[in-house]
Amino acid sequence: MKGLAWDRVVSIVLITPSVIAVAVFVYGFIGWTGWVSLSKWDGLRPNYDLAGWVNFDRLLNNSRFQIDVRNTIVFTLLFLAACLIIGLLLAILLDQKIRGENLFRSLFLFPMAVSFIVTGVVWRWLMVPSSGLNTLFAAAGLDFLKSAWYTSPTVLHIQPESGLAQVLARVGLGGLASPNFGLPLALISIVIAAAWQMSGFVMAMFLAGIRGIPEELRDAARVDGASEVQVYRHVVLPLLKPVTLSAAIVLGHISLKIFDLVASLSKQGPGFATDVPAFFMFQTTFQGDHFAQGSAIAVFMLLSVSLLVIPYLVYNIRREIEV
């Protein structure tokens, strides 16, 4: 009994520094940021006098912030779709037991080894309108693929009476067809760079999920006359739903707080076409010295990430209890 008691004391002593560090540097600073967001701190000199919800009201009526919210929604939808589709296709390709699978798997995962800063710098060079990819397209006779990339000021709006608007309305996304909503073409450059880096991660998750499916299930479907396409459609894909959800949560978390890729590739873009809340928060807080307003943006980002992550954690806990 004394041995068990001593082991418990040692365990508590070992984890106490980590608990204190997390409490202070994570939750403590979150609370401090929330307090600052409700204060009148505007300038280098701290001012903790309460201002109430003024900073949040000012933020919601800020045209740049409204554009940032639009950009975040558009980027998240395109980023998730691109990564999930590309990652799934690559996983299915590697599942065919092709020669050199280890080499291809390493190549697909290689972008994960570099940071978003490096990715942004490289893709910025590649997407310079006067050179880079446009030069390659011109040399190959593919002029129709040439683009202004991250320098494009064009925003494509969805017409409320269009077929796409009707489809969005049916799935509960009718707000995406509002007059103030649209697709900034410059934002596609950010999506391409981000998908290039994260598709390999999704591929690894899907491949692990596919390899975890018992081969007997697929053999049984083949015996019943199912083609390989039908096997993947009716057997493999339904069993990959938990993996798909996990990948979507991870990618959504990244998209909601993305900063370094945007800062190194395009900054805010023409007319804030590639601006995001994190970059707006950085400029507001550390370049404009509007600490209360910047904290309000940070609180908004925290809430948006929480709305995505907390339901997922609750879902996992409930599923573990049921199992």
Protein backbone atom coordinates (compact mmCIF):
# COMPACT_ATOMS: atom_id res chain seq x y z
CA MET A 1 0.00 0.00 0.00
CA LYS A 2 2.85 2.34 0.82
CA GLY A 3 4.32 1.65 -2.60
CA LEU A 4 1.07 2.61 -4.33
CA ALA A 5 0.77 5.78 -2.25
CA TRP A 6 4.32 6.76 -3.09
CA ASP A 7 3.73 6.16 -6.81
CA ARG A 8 0.66 8.41 -6.63
CA VAL A 9 2.63 11.18 -4.95
CA VAL A 10 5.40 10.92 -7.56
CA SER A 11 2.85 11.03 -10.37
CA ILE A 12 1.20 14.15 -8.94
CA VAL A 13 4.56 15.86 -8.49
CA LEU A 14 5.59 15.07 -12.07
CA ILE A 15 2.40 16.36 -13.72
CA THR A 16 1.92 19.42 -11.48
CA PRO A 17 4.36 21.68 -13.43
CA SER A 18 2.58 20.85 -16.69
CA VAL A 19 -0.84 21.49 -15.15
CA ILE A 20 0.32 24.85 -13.80
CA ALA A 21 1.92 25.82 -17.12
CA VAL A 22 -1.25 24.96 -19.07
CA ALA A 23 -3.45 26.75 -16.54
CA VAL A 24 -1.37 29.93 -16.75
CA PHE A 25 -0.16 30.08 -20.34
CA VAL A 26 -3.29 28.65 -22.01
CA TYR A 27 -6.42 29.20 -19.96
CA GLY A 28 -5.00 32.15 -18.03
CA PHE A 29 -4.12 34.02 -21.22
CA ILE A 30 -7.46 33.10 -22.79
CA GLY A 31 -9.21 34.69 -19.82
CA TRP A 32 -6.93 37.72 -19.98
CA THR A 33 -7.63 38.14 -23.71
CA GLY A 34 -11.36 37.96 -23.01
CA TRP A 35 -11.01 40.66 -20.34
CA VAL A 36 -8.98 42.91 -22.66
CA SER A 37 -11.63 42.50 -25.38
CA LEU A 38 -14.13 44.11 -23.01
CA SER A 39 -11.80 46.96 -22.03
CA LYS A 40 -10.90 50.39 -23.42
CA TRP A 41 -7.26 49.52 -24.14
CA ASP A 42 -6.44 51.45 -27.30
CA GLY A 43 -2.75 52.30 -27.49
CA LEU A 44 0.49 51.16 -25.90
CA ARG A 45 -0.58 52.19 -22.39
CA PRO A 46 -2.85 49.52 -20.85
CA ASN A 47 -6.37 50.62 -19.96
CA TYR A 48 -8.49 47.95 -18.31
CA ASP A 49 -11.58 50.10 -17.79
CA LEU A 50 -14.60 48.16 -18.95
CA ALA A 51 -16.16 49.19 -22.26
CA GLY A 52 -18.69 46.35 -22.43
CA TRP A 53 -19.55 44.94 -25.85
CA VAL A 54 -18.45 48.06 -27.73
CA ASN A 55 -15.45 46.38 -29.34
CA PHE A 56 -17.55 43.45 -30.57
CA ASP A 57 -20.26 45.76 -31.89
CA ARG A 58 -17.63 47.81 -33.73
CA LEU A 59 -16.09 44.62 -35.08
CA LEU A 60 -19.35 43.23 -36.44
CA ASN A 61 -19.97 46.51 -38.28
CA ASN A 62 -16.45 46.66 -39.71
CA SER A 63 -16.51 46.10 -43.48
CA ARG A 64 -13.06 44.49 -43.48
CA PHE A 65 -14.12 42.00 -40.81
CA GLN A 66 -17.23 41.12 -42.81
CA ILE A 67 -15.01 40.42 -45.82
CA ASP A 68 -12.74 38.31 -43.60
CA VAL A 69 -15.70 36.20 -42.47
CA ARG A 70 -16.70 35.68 -46.10
CA ASN A 71 -13.14 34.71 -47.02
CA THR A 72 -12.95 32.27 -44.12
CA ILE A 73 -16.18 30.54 -45.11
CA VAL A 74 -15.17 30.30 -48.78
CA PHE A 75 -11.64 29.15 -47.97
CA THR A 76 -12.87 26.53 -45.50
CA LEU A 77 -15.37 25.04 -47.97
CA LEU A 78 -12.89 24.90 -50.86
CA PHE A 79 -9.98 23.78 -48.70
CA LEU A 80 -11.91 20.92 -47.11
CA ALA A 81 -13.36 19.79 -50.44
CA ALA A 82 -9.97 19.85 -52.19
CA CYS A 83 -8.08 18.04 -49.42
CA LEU A 84 -10.73 15.38 -48.83
CA ILE A 85 -11.18 14.59 -52.52
CA ILE A 86 -7.47 14.59 -53.38
CA GLY A 87 -6.54 12.71 -50.20
CA LEU A 88 -9.17 10.05 -50.85
CA LEU A 89 -8.10 9.56 -54.47
CA LEU A 90 -4.45 9.25 -53.48
CA ALA A 91 -5.33 6.74 -50.75
CA ILE A 92 -7.36 4.64 -53.18
CA LEU A 93 -4.47 4.78 -55.65
CA LEU A 94 -1.97 3.55 -53.07
CA ASP A 95 -4.41 0.86 -51.93
CA GLN A 96 -4.02 -0.82 -55.32
CA LYS A 97 -0.69 -2.29 -54.18
CA ILE A 98 1.20 -0.38 -56.87
CA ARG A 99 4.96 -0.75 -57.25
CA GLY A 100 6.93 1.85 -55.35
CA GLU A 101 4.13 2.46 -52.88
CA ASN A 102 6.55 3.51 -50.14
CA LEU A 103 8.17 6.05 -52.47
CA PHE A 104 4.84 7.55 -53.53
CA ARG A 105 3.57 7.64 -49.96
CA SER A 106 6.69 9.56 -48.91
CA LEU A 107 6.32 11.98 -51.82
CA PHE A 108 2.70 12.68 -50.98
CA LEU A 109 3.59 13.26 -47.33
CA PHE A 110 6.63 15.41 -48.07
CA PRO A 111 4.76 18.75 -48.04
CA MET A 112 3.87 18.09 -44.40
CA ALA A 113 7.57 18.38 -43.57
CA VAL A 114 7.66 22.10 -44.44
CA SER A 115 5.93 24.96 -42.66
CA PHE A 116 3.14 27.10 -44.08
CA ILE A 117 5.62 29.99 -44.26
CA VAL A 118 7.87 28.03 -46.64
CA THR A 119 4.85 26.86 -48.62
CA GLY A 120 3.62 30.43 -48.97
CA VAL A 121 6.97 31.78 -50.15
CA VAL A 122 7.42 29.01 -52.76
CA TRP A 123 3.90 29.30 -54.13
CA ARG A 124 4.22 33.09 -54.21
CA TRP A 125 7.19 32.66 -56.57
CA LEU A 126 5.27 30.14 -58.66
CA MET A 127 2.20 32.38 -58.93
CA VAL A 128 3.86 35.65 -59.91
CA PRO A 129 1.62 36.76 -62.84
CA SER A 130 4.56 37.80 -65.01
CA SER A 131 6.44 34.51 -64.60
CA GLY A 132 6.19 31.19 -62.82
CA LEU A 133 3.24 29.01 -63.76
CA ASN A 134 1.94 31.52 -66.31
CA THR A 135 5.21 31.22 -68.25
CA LEU A 136 4.90 27.42 -68.29
CA PHE A 137 1.29 27.62 -69.45
CA ALA A 138 2.23 30.02 -72.25
CA ALA A 139 5.11 27.78 -73.39
CA ALA A 140 2.78 24.76 -73.42
CA GLY A 141 0.10 26.59 -75.40
CA LEU A 142 -2.29 26.59 -72.43
CA ASP A 143 -2.93 30.30 -72.30
CA PHE A 144 -6.46 29.73 -71.02
CA LEU A 145 -4.94 28.54 -67.72
CA LYS A 146 -3.01 31.78 -67.17
CA SER A 147 -4.28 33.76 -64.21
CA ALA A 148 -3.55 36.83 -62.12
CA TRP A 149 -3.49 34.44 -59.14
CA TYR A 150 -3.24 36.23 -55.78
CA THR A 151 -3.24 39.67 -57.46
CA SER A 152 -6.72 39.24 -58.97
CA PRO A 153 -9.31 41.73 -57.60
CA THR A 154 -12.24 39.84 -59.15
CA VAL A 155 -15.00 38.47 -56.91
CA LEU A 156 -17.49 36.04 -58.47
CA HIS A 157 -20.96 36.48 -57.00
CA ILE A 158 -23.67 33.81 -57.05
CA GLN A 159 -26.83 35.05 -58.71
CA PRO A 160 -29.81 34.55 -56.34
CA GLU A 161 -31.96 33.15 -59.16
CA SER A 162 -29.31 30.72 -60.46
CA GLY A 163 -29.48 26.95 -60.20
CA LEU A 164 -26.50 26.90 -57.84
CA ALA A 165 -28.30 29.31 -55.49
CA GLN A 166 -31.32 27.01 -55.44
CA VAL A 167 -29.14 24.01 -54.63
CA LEU A 168 -27.47 25.92 -51.79
CA ALA A 169 -30.88 26.90 -50.44
CA ARG A 170 -32.01 23.27 -50.40
CA VAL A 171 -29.04 22.19 -48.30
CA GLY A 172 -29.45 25.07 -45.87
CA LEU A 173 -26.70 27.28 -47.32
CA GLY A 174 -28.91 29.86 -49.00
CA GLY A 175 -26.97 32.66 -47.31
CA LEU A 176 -24.02 31.91 -49.59
CA ALA A 177 -26.04 33.32 -52.49
CA SER A 178 -26.59 36.70 -50.83
CA PRO A 179 -25.48 39.82 -52.72
CA ASN A 180 -22.60 40.39 -50.28
CA PHE A 181 -21.22 36.88 -50.70
CA GLY A 182 -18.91 35.68 -53.44
CA LEU A 183 -15.74 33.87 -54.44
CA PRO A 184 -12.60 36.04 -54.58
CA LEU A 185 -10.45 34.57 -57.35
CA ALA A 186 -7.30 35.57 -55.47
CA LEU A 187 -8.36 33.25 -52.65
CA ILE A 188 -8.02 30.24 -54.95
CA SER A 189 -4.23 30.69 -54.81
CA ILE A 190 -4.36 30.20 -51.03
CA VAL A 191 -6.56 27.12 -51.43
CA ILE A 192 -4.15 25.55 -53.94
CA ALA A 193 -1.13 26.09 -51.70
CA ALA A 194 -2.92 24.87 -48.57
CA ALA A 195 -4.35 21.81 -50.33
CA TRP A 196 -0.90 20.94 -51.70
CA GLN A 197 0.47 20.85 -48.17
CA MET A 198 -2.39 19.08 -46.37
CA SER A 199 -3.65 16.56 -48.96
CA GLY A 200 -0.88 14.12 -48.03
CA PHE A 201 -1.99 14.21 -44.40
CA VAL A 202 -5.55 13.37 -45.43
CA MET A 203 -4.22 10.64 -47.72
CA ALA A 204 -2.41 9.04 -44.77
CA MET A 205 -5.59 9.12 -42.65
CA PHE A 206 -7.72 7.60 -45.41
CA LEU A 207 -5.10 4.98 -46.25
CA ALA A 208 -4.90 3.92 -42.61
CA GLY A 209 -8.70 3.70 -42.53
CA ILE A 210 -8.85 1.65 -45.73
CA ARG A 211 -6.13 -0.74 -44.56
CA GLY A 212 -8.06 -1.18 -41.30
CA ILE A 213 -11.12 -2.53 -43.12
CA PRO A 214 -11.13 -6.36 -43.05
CA GLU A 215 -10.36 -7.76 -46.49
CA GLU A 216 -13.11 -10.34 -45.95
CA LEU A 217 -15.75 -7.63 -46.35
CA ARG A 218 -14.42 -6.60 -49.74
CA ASP A 219 -13.99 -10.20 -50.84
CA ALA A 220 -17.60 -10.92 -49.91
CA ALA A 221 -18.75 -7.99 -52.04
CA ARG A 222 -16.66 -9.22 -54.98
CA VAL A 223 -18.14 -12.70 -54.62
CA ASP A 224 -21.62 -11.12 -54.86
CA GLY A 225 -20.57 -9.62 -58.20
CA ALA A 226 -19.62 -6.10 -57.14
CA SER A 227 -17.04 -4.30 -59.25
CA GLU A 228 -14.09 -2.50 -57.64
CA VAL A 229 -15.90 0.82 -58.00
CA GLN A 230 -18.94 -0.63 -56.26
CA VAL A 231 -16.76 -2.13 -53.53
CA TYR A 232 -15.29 1.27 -52.72
CA ARG A 233 -18.65 3.02 -53.03
CA HIS A 234 -20.80 0.65 -50.98
CA VAL A 235 -18.29 -0.99 -48.62
CA VAL A 236 -15.18 1.14 -48.15
CA LEU A 237 -16.55 4.69 -48.21
CA PRO A 238 -19.34 4.10 -45.64
CA LEU A 239 -16.78 2.65 -43.24
CA LEU A 240 -14.54 5.69 -43.71
CA LYS A 241 -17.09 8.15 -42.26
CA PRO A 242 -15.31 8.42 -38.85
CA VAL A 243 -12.00 9.06 -40.63
CA THR A 244 -13.63 11.64 -42.89
CA LEU A 245 -15.12 13.43 -39.88
CA SER A 246 -11.77 13.48 -38.07
CA ALA A 247 -9.98 14.82 -41.15
CA ALA A 248 -12.65 17.49 -41.65
CA ILE A 249 -12.31 18.64 -38.04
CA VAL A 250 -8.52 18.90 -38.28
CA LEU A 251 -8.68 20.76 -41.61
CA GLY A 252 -11.48 23.02 -40.40
CA HIS A 253 -9.45 23.93 -37.33
CA ILE A 254 -6.51 24.85 -39.54
CA SER A 255 -8.61 26.91 -41.94
CA LEU A 256 -10.31 28.94 -39.21
CA LYS A 257 -7.04 30.13 -37.69
CA ILE A 258 -4.79 30.20 -40.76
CA PHE A 259 -2.30 33.06 -40.73
CA ASP A 260 1.24 32.19 -41.80
CA LEU A 261 0.34 30.93 -45.28
CA VAL A 262 -1.67 34.07 -46.04
CA ALA A 263 0.98 36.37 -44.57
CA SER A 264 3.78 34.86 -46.67
CA LEU A 265 1.85 34.32 -49.92
CA SER A 266 -0.47 37.26 -50.48
CA LYS A 267 -0.99 39.19 -47.24
CA GLN A 268 -4.46 40.76 -47.48
CA GLY A 269 -4.60 40.79 -51.28
CA PRO A 270 -6.31 43.41 -53.47
CA GLY A 271 -9.41 44.75 -51.75
CA PHE A 272 -8.85 42.32 -48.83
CA ALA A 273 -9.51 39.46 -51.28
CA THR A 274 -7.29 37.06 -49.31
CA ASP A 275 -7.55 38.67 -45.88
CA VAL A 276 -8.45 36.46 -42.93
CA PRO A 277 -9.36 37.20 -39.28
CA ALA A 278 -5.95 36.09 -37.97
CA PHE A 279 -4.10 38.53 -40.24
CA PHE A 280 -6.58 41.28 -39.36
CA MET A 281 -5.99 40.56 -35.68
CA PHE A 282 -2.21 40.71 -36.12
CA GLN A 283 -2.33 44.08 -37.87
CA THR A 284 -4.90 45.52 -35.47
CA THR A 285 -3.08 44.43 -32.33
CA PHE A 286 0.63 44.56 -33.07
CA GLN A 287 0.83 47.12 -35.86
CA GLY A 288 -2.08 49.38 -34.96
CA ASP A 289 -1.78 49.02 -31.15
CA HIS A 290 -5.56 48.58 -30.84
CA PHE A 291 -5.30 45.87 -28.24
CA ALA A 292 -8.95 45.75 -27.17
CA GLN A 293 -10.17 45.50 -30.76
CA GLY A 294 -7.54 42.88 -31.60
CA SER A 295 -8.55 40.85 -28.56
CA ALA A 296 -12.16 40.94 -29.75
CA ILE A 297 -11.05 39.41 -33.06
CA ALA A 298 -9.08 36.76 -31.15
CA VAL A 299 -12.15 35.90 -29.05
CA PHE A 300 -14.21 35.56 -32.23
CA MET A 301 -11.62 33.14 -33.66
CA LEU A 302 -11.61 31.14 -30.42
CA LEU A 303 -15.40 30.86 -30.48
CA SER A 304 -15.44 29.79 -34.14
CA VAL A 305 -12.88 27.05 -33.47
CA SER A 306 -14.76 25.97 -30.33
CA LEU A 307 -18.00 25.63 -32.28
CA LEU A 308 -16.18 23.18 -34.54
CA VAL A 309 -14.08 21.23 -32.04
CA ILE A 310 -16.31 20.96 -28.94
CA PRO A 311 -19.21 19.10 -30.67
CA TYR A 312 -16.64 16.71 -32.15
CA LEU A 313 -15.14 16.01 -28.71
CA VAL A 314 -18.61 15.48 -27.22
CA TYR A 315 -19.45 13.10 -30.08
CA ASN A 316 -16.26 11.08 -29.49
CA ILE A 317 -16.87 10.88 -25.73
CA ARG A 318 -20.43 9.66 -26.25
CA ARG A 319 -19.29 7.09 -28.79
CA GLU A 320 -16.60 5.78 -26.42
CA ILE A 321 -19.19 5.47 -23.62
CA GLU A 322 -21.56 3.55 -25.90
CA VAL A 323 -18.77 1.19 -26.93
